[in-house]
């Protein structure tokens, strides 16, 4: 795998992490589930992530802010139809799904030694592990078809691959009729 492909995987993860920060804000505002170990790990996570990805997000915004916003909105809106028994549970569930998908993007990288990838992976895994301990019943919620959170994680993974692809892959893909947004280098 090339460095360009690893960069695209990292950018997908960073976009999902950025959206997750917004989701965490709504969880904090609702207060119901923002407590105990989850609160502690989420505070650490948001502090590290905000500092860590700020420069990268600014660089992306300076490159092409319109494209960045289009991708952000597509990914952010992708979970709009998810509903659990309460808005608080829905927010917590979607936050978990988005973080899990971001970790999947990093796992797909061949060279995980990049500082951005390492930091995101370590702090995000801590939040996911804490959520698994503290909110397992919410995370394991299944829909009416018996599908669990992994169905949505897979959906986000596929969506990320459709909206953020390596420019060289996009140019060589002649069947690209979906209007895939290339990631500029």
C-alpha atoms as a PDB file:
ATOM      1  CA  UNK A   1       0.000   0.000   0.000  1.00  0.00           C
ATOM      2  CA  UNK A   2       1.294   3.413  -0.842  1.00  0.00           C
ATOM      3  CA  UNK A   3       1.758   6.399   1.420  1.00  0.00           C
ATOM      4  CA  UNK A   4      -1.039   8.139  -0.515  1.00  0.00           C
ATOM      5  CA  UNK A   5      -3.512   5.388   0.373  1.00  0.00           C
ATOM      6  CA  UNK A   6      -2.466   5.556   4.021  1.00  0.00           C
ATOM      7  CA  UNK A   7      -2.989   9.313   3.920  1.00  0.00           C
ATOM      8  CA  UNK A   8      -6.502   8.855   2.532  1.00  0.00           C
ATOM      9  CA  UNK A   9      -7.318   6.353   5.304  1.00  0.00           C
ATOM     10  CA  UNK A  10      -5.986   8.793   7.879  1.00  0.00           C
ATOM     11  CA  UNK A  11      -8.031  11.664   6.403  1.00  0.00           C
ATOM     12  CA  UNK A  12     -11.170   9.528   6.537  1.00  0.00           C
ATOM     13  CA  UNK A  13     -10.483   8.796  10.179  1.00  0.00           C
ATOM     14  CA  UNK A  14      -9.821  12.464  10.946  1.00  0.00           C
ATOM     15  CA  UNK A  15     -13.098  13.526   9.314  1.00  0.00           C
ATOM     16  CA  UNK A  16     -15.014  10.978  11.400  1.00  0.00           C
ATOM     17  CA  UNK A  17     -13.138  12.002  14.533  1.00  0.00           C
ATOM     18  CA  UNK A  18     -13.992  15.649  13.845  1.00  0.00           C
ATOM     19  CA  UNK A  19     -17.674  14.754  13.507  1.00  0.00           C
ATOM     20  CA  UNK A  20     -17.401  12.714  16.709  1.00  0.00           C
ATOM     21  CA  UNK A  21     -16.242  15.823  18.571  1.00  0.00           C
ATOM     22  CA  UNK A  22     -19.510  17.491  17.591  1.00  0.00           C
ATOM     23  CA  UNK A  23     -21.444  14.416  18.691  1.00  0.00           C
ATOM     24  CA  UNK A  24     -19.676  14.457  22.042  1.00  0.00           C
ATOM     25  CA  UNK A  25     -20.754  18.080  22.526  1.00  0.00           C
ATOM     26  CA  UNK A  26     -24.399  17.011  22.256  1.00  0.00           C
ATOM     27  CA  UNK A  27     -23.815  14.116  24.680  1.00  0.00           C
ATOM     28  CA  UNK A  28     -22.255  16.550  27.175  1.00  0.00           C
ATOM     29  CA  UNK A  29     -25.203  18.957  26.755  1.00  0.00           C
ATOM     30  CA  UNK A  30     -27.720  16.175  27.444  1.00  0.00           C
ATOM     31  CA  UNK A  31     -25.745  15.100  30.532  1.00  0.00           C
ATOM     32  CA  UNK A  32     -27.597  11.792  31.087  1.00  0.00           C
ATOM     33  CA  UNK A  33     -24.777   9.501  29.953  1.00  0.00           C
ATOM     34  CA  UNK A  34     -21.832  11.840  30.391  1.00  0.00           C
ATOM     35  CA  UNK A  35     -20.578  10.474  33.693  1.00  0.00           C
ATOM     36  CA  UNK A  36     -18.124   8.191  35.477  1.00  0.00           C
ATOM     37  CA  UNK A  37     -15.399   6.516  33.407  1.00  0.00           C
ATOM     38  CA  UNK A  38     -16.945   7.587  30.115  1.00  0.00           C
ATOM     39  CA  UNK A  39     -16.781  11.229  31.174  1.00  0.00           C
ATOM     40  CA  UNK A  40     -13.138  10.884  32.230  1.00  0.00           C
ATOM     41  CA  UNK A  41     -12.034   9.116  29.020  1.00  0.00           C
ATOM     42  CA  UNK A  42     -14.082  11.407  26.779  1.00  0.00           C
ATOM     43  CA  UNK A  43     -12.587  14.504  28.386  1.00  0.00           C
ATOM     44  CA  UNK A  44      -9.084  13.171  27.799  1.00  0.00           C
ATOM     45  CA  UNK A  45      -9.993  12.106  24.279  1.00  0.00           C
ATOM     46  CA  UNK A  46     -11.487  15.455  23.267  1.00  0.00           C
ATOM     47  CA  UNK A  47      -8.607  17.412  24.756  1.00  0.00           C
ATOM     48  CA  UNK A  48      -5.982  15.350  22.924  1.00  0.00           C
ATOM     49  CA  UNK A  49      -7.944  15.093  19.674  1.00  0.00           C
ATOM     50  CA  UNK A  50      -8.780  18.801  19.459  1.00  0.00           C
ATOM     51  CA  UNK A  51      -5.133  19.717  19.879  1.00  0.00           C
ATOM     52  CA  UNK A  52      -3.892  16.920  17.658  1.00  0.00           C
ATOM     53  CA  UNK A  53      -6.138  17.354  14.605  1.00  0.00           C
ATOM     54  CA  UNK A  54      -6.536  21.142  14.659  1.00  0.00           C
ATOM     55  CA  UNK A  55      -3.561  21.802  12.381  1.00  0.00           C
ATOM     56  CA  UNK A  56      -4.510  19.003   9.993  1.00  0.00           C
ATOM     57  CA  UNK A  57      -8.119  20.219   9.723  1.00  0.00           C
ATOM     58  CA  UNK A  58      -6.907  23.802   9.129  1.00  0.00           C
ATOM     59  CA  UNK A  59      -4.639  22.560   6.349  1.00  0.00           C
ATOM     60  CA  UNK A  60      -7.527  20.667   4.758  1.00  0.00           C
ATOM     61  CA  UNK A  61      -9.803  23.701   5.035  1.00  0.00           C
ATOM     62  CA  UNK A  62      -7.169  25.918   3.409  1.00  0.00           C
ATOM     63  CA  UNK A  63      -6.749  23.433   0.546  1.00  0.00           C
ATOM     64  CA  UNK A  64     -10.427  23.266  -0.389  1.00  0.00           C
ATOM     65  CA  UNK A  65     -12.906  24.321   2.278  1.00  0.00           C
ATOM     66  CA  UNK A  66     -15.934  23.701   0.059  1.00  0.00           C
ATOM     67  CA  UNK A  67     -14.907  20.111  -0.628  1.00  0.00           C
ATOM     68  CA  UNK A  68     -14.106  19.584   3.046  1.00  0.00           C
ATOM     69  CA  UNK A  69     -17.574  20.798   4.073  1.00  0.00           C
ATOM     70  CA  UNK A  70     -19.271  18.618   1.449  1.00  0.00           C
ATOM     71  CA  UNK A  71     -17.497  15.531   2.764  1.00  0.00           C
ATOM     72  CA  UNK A  72     -18.153  16.524   6.367  1.00  0.00           C
ATOM     73  CA  UNK A  73     -21.881  16.994   5.751  1.00  0.00           C
ATOM     74  CA  UNK A  74     -22.227  13.715   3.835  1.00  0.00           C
ATOM     75  CA  UNK A  75     -20.611  11.739   6.640  1.00  0.00           C
ATOM     76  CA  UNK A  76     -22.321  13.676   9.441  1.00  0.00           C
ATOM     77  CA  UNK A  77     -25.795  13.281   7.897  1.00  0.00           C
ATOM     78  CA  UNK A  78     -25.304   9.577   7.212  1.00  0.00           C
ATOM     79  CA  UNK A  79     -26.575   8.550  10.649  1.00  0.00           C
ATOM     80  CA  UNK A  80     -29.555  10.934  10.759  1.00  0.00           C
ATOM     81  CA  UNK A  81     -32.124   8.131  10.463  1.00  0.00           C
ATOM     82  CA  UNK A  82     -30.736   6.157  13.397  1.00  0.00           C
ATOM     83  CA  UNK A  83     -33.100   6.268  16.367  1.00  0.00           C
ATOM     84  CA  UNK A  84     -32.940   4.457  19.665  1.00  0.00           C
ATOM     85  CA  UNK A  85     -35.411   4.763  22.516  1.00  0.00           C
ATOM     86  CA  UNK A  86     -34.231   8.253  23.498  1.00  0.00           C
ATOM     87  CA  UNK A  87     -32.234  11.103  21.937  1.00  0.00           C
ATOM     88  CA  UNK A  88     -29.524  10.540  24.564  1.00  0.00           C
ATOM     89  CA  UNK A  89     -29.134   6.878  23.666  1.00  0.00           C
ATOM     90  CA  UNK A  90     -29.161   7.719  19.961  1.00  0.00           C
ATOM     91  CA  UNK A  91     -26.349  10.259  20.402  1.00  0.00           C
ATOM     92  CA  UNK A  92     -24.268   7.839  22.451  1.00  0.00           C
ATOM     93  CA  UNK A  93     -24.828   5.014  19.962  1.00  0.00           C
ATOM     94  CA  UNK A  94     -23.952   7.156  16.916  1.00  0.00           C
ATOM     95  CA  UNK A  95     -20.852   8.476  18.680  1.00  0.00           C
ATOM     96  CA  UNK A  96     -19.685   4.902  19.278  1.00  0.00           C
ATOM     97  CA  UNK A  97     -20.379   3.914  15.659  1.00  0.00           C
ATOM     98  CA  UNK A  98     -18.485   6.935  14.271  1.00  0.00           C
ATOM     99  CA  UNK A  99     -15.464   6.283  16.510  1.00  0.00           C
ATOM    100  CA  UNK A 100     -15.449   2.587  15.624  1.00  0.00           C
ATOM    101  CA  UNK A 101     -15.469   3.440  11.914  1.00  0.00           C
ATOM    102  CA  UNK A 102     -12.591   5.894  12.400  1.00  0.00           C
ATOM    103  CA  UNK A 103     -10.580   3.129  14.087  1.00  0.00           C
ATOM    104  CA  UNK A 104     -11.339   0.854  11.126  1.00  0.00           C
ATOM    105  CA  UNK A 105      -9.863   3.467   8.788  1.00  0.00           C
ATOM    106  CA  UNK A 106      -6.673   3.550  10.816  1.00  0.00           C
ATOM    107  CA  UNK A 107      -6.574  -0.257  10.950  1.00  0.00           C
ATOM    108  CA  UNK A 108      -6.572  -0.295   7.131  1.00  0.00           C
ATOM    109  CA  UNK A 109      -3.360   1.714   7.038  1.00  0.00           C
ATOM    110  CA  UNK A 110      -0.237  -0.212   6.185  1.00  0.00           C
ATOM    111  CA  UNK A 111       2.067   2.183   8.016  1.00  0.00           C
ATOM    112  CA  UNK A 112       0.462   2.966  11.359  1.00  0.00           C
ATOM    113  CA  UNK A 113       3.626   4.633  12.646  1.00  0.00           C
ATOM    114  CA  UNK A 114       2.421   8.099  11.632  1.00  0.00           C
ATOM    115  CA  UNK A 115       2.048  10.183  14.788  1.00  0.00           C
ATOM    116  CA  UNK A 116      -1.478  11.304  13.870  1.00  0.00           C
ATOM    117  CA  UNK A 117      -2.626   7.717  13.421  1.00  0.00           C
ATOM    118  CA  UNK A 118      -1.000   6.481  16.638  1.00  0.00           C
ATOM    119  CA  UNK A 119      -2.456   9.216  18.814  1.00  0.00           C
ATOM    120  CA  UNK A 120      -5.951   8.929  17.336  1.00  0.00           C
ATOM    121  CA  UNK A 121      -5.883   5.166  17.691  1.00  0.00           C
ATOM    122  CA  UNK A 122      -4.695   5.088  21.309  1.00  0.00           C
ATOM    123  CA  UNK A 123      -7.035   7.709  22.752  1.00  0.00           C
ATOM    124  CA  UNK A 124     -10.040   6.571  20.710  1.00  0.00           C
ATOM    125  CA  UNK A 125      -9.624   2.922  21.713  1.00  0.00           C
ATOM    126  CA  UNK A 126      -9.708   3.991  25.374  1.00  0.00           C
ATOM    127  CA  UNK A 127     -13.075   5.704  24.857  1.00  0.00           C
ATOM    128  CA  UNK A 128     -14.469   2.728  22.939  1.00  0.00           C
ATOM    129  CA  UNK A 129     -13.314   0.304  25.630  1.00  0.00           C
ATOM    130  CA  UNK A 130     -14.883   2.426  28.370  1.00  0.00           C
ATOM    131  CA  UNK A 131     -18.137   2.688  26.453  1.00  0.00           C
ATOM    132  CA  UNK A 132     -18.121  -1.078  25.992  1.00  0.00           C
ATOM    133  CA  UNK A 133     -17.871  -1.500  29.765  1.00  0.00           C
ATOM    134  CA  UNK A 134     -20.282   1.237  30.777  1.00  0.00           C
ATOM    135  CA  UNK A 135     -22.930   1.237  28.031  1.00  0.00           C
ATOM    136  CA  UNK A 136     -22.860  -2.261  26.543  1.00  0.00           C
ATOM    137  CA  UNK A 137     -26.656  -2.602  26.499  1.00  0.00           C
ATOM    138  CA  UNK A 138     -26.994   0.566  24.378  1.00  0.00           C
ATOM    139  CA  UNK A 139     -24.136  -0.362  22.055  1.00  0.00           C
ATOM    140  CA  UNK A 140     -25.557  -3.844  21.522  1.00  0.00           C
ATOM    141  CA  UNK A 141     -28.960  -2.496  20.474  1.00  0.00           C
ATOM    142  CA  UNK A 142     -30.306  -4.178  17.336  1.00  0.00           C
ATOM    143  CA  UNK A 143     -32.773  -2.801  14.830  1.00  0.00           C
ATOM    144  CA  UNK A 144     -36.025  -4.448  13.740  1.00  0.00           C
ATOM    145  CA  UNK A 145     -34.086  -6.523  11.187  1.00  0.00           C
ATOM    146  CA  UNK A 146     -31.705  -7.797  13.859  1.00  0.00           C
ATOM    147  CA  UNK A 147     -28.763  -5.697  12.648  1.00  0.00           C
ATOM    148  CA  UNK A 148     -26.353  -4.366  15.256  1.00  0.00           C
ATOM    149  CA  UNK A 149     -23.931  -1.435  15.372  1.00  0.00           C
ATOM    150  CA  UNK A 150     -21.458  -3.217  13.077  1.00  0.00           C
ATOM    151  CA  UNK A 151     -23.931  -2.845  10.218  1.00  0.00           C
ATOM    152  CA  UNK A 152     -23.699   0.936  10.614  1.00  0.00           C
ATOM    153  CA  UNK A 153     -19.918   0.830  11.066  1.00  0.00           C
ATOM    154  CA  UNK A 154     -19.641  -1.086   7.782  1.00  0.00           C
ATOM    155  CA  UNK A 155     -21.973   1.452   6.170  1.00  0.00           C
ATOM    156  CA  UNK A 156     -19.751   4.346   7.340  1.00  0.00           C
ATOM    157  CA  UNK A 157     -16.642   2.513   6.162  1.00  0.00           C
ATOM    158  CA  UNK A 158     -18.161   2.061   2.704  1.00  0.00           C
ATOM    159  CA  UNK A 159     -19.408   5.649   2.621  1.00  0.00           C
ATOM    160  CA  UNK A 160     -15.947   6.935   3.517  1.00  0.00           C
ATOM    161  CA  UNK A 161     -14.479   4.926   0.656  1.00  0.00           C
ATOM    162  CA  UNK A 162     -16.991   6.451  -1.746  1.00  0.00           C
ATOM    163  CA  UNK A 163     -16.580  10.096  -0.766  1.00  0.00           C
ATOM    164  CA  UNK A 164     -12.853  10.173  -0.041  1.00  0.00           C
ATOM    165  CA  UNK A 165     -10.701   8.276  -2.486  1.00  0.00           C
ATOM    166  CA  UNK A 166      -7.149   8.622  -3.681  1.00  0.00           C
ATOM    167  CA  UNK A 167      -7.091  10.990  -6.679  1.00  0.00           C
ATOM    168  CA  UNK A 168      -5.103   8.480  -8.745  1.00  0.00           C
ATOM    169  CA  UNK A 169      -7.685   5.766  -8.048  1.00  0.00           C
ATOM    170  CA  UNK A 170     -10.460   8.157  -9.035  1.00  0.00           C
ATOM    171  CA  UNK A 171      -8.793   9.041 -12.344  1.00  0.00           C
ATOM    172  CA  UNK A 172      -8.294   5.392 -13.222  1.00  0.00           C
ATOM    173  CA  UNK A 173     -11.874   4.466 -12.320  1.00  0.00           C
ATOM    174  CA  UNK A 174     -13.807   5.006 -15.523  1.00  0.00           C
ATOM    175  CA  UNK A 175     -17.049   3.675 -14.022  1.00  0.00           C
ATOM    176  CA  UNK A 176     -17.179   6.488 -11.484  1.00  0.00           C
ATOM    177  CA  UNK A 177     -20.737   7.653 -12.074  1.00  0.00           C
ATOM    178  CA  UNK A 178     -21.527   8.369  -8.433  1.00  0.00           C
ATOM    179  CA  UNK A 179     -19.687  11.687  -8.423  1.00  0.00           C
ATOM    180  CA  UNK A 180     -17.075  10.544  -5.951  1.00  0.00           C
ATOM    181  CA  UNK A 181     -15.157  13.356  -4.347  1.00  0.00           C
ATOM    182  CA  UNK A 182     -11.404  12.914  -4.765  1.00  0.00           C
ATOM    183  CA  UNK A 183      -8.996  13.811  -1.992  1.00  0.00           C
ATOM    184  CA  UNK A 184      -6.518  16.335  -3.358  1.00  0.00           C
ATOM    185  CA  UNK A 185      -2.813  15.939  -2.689  1.00  0.00           C
END
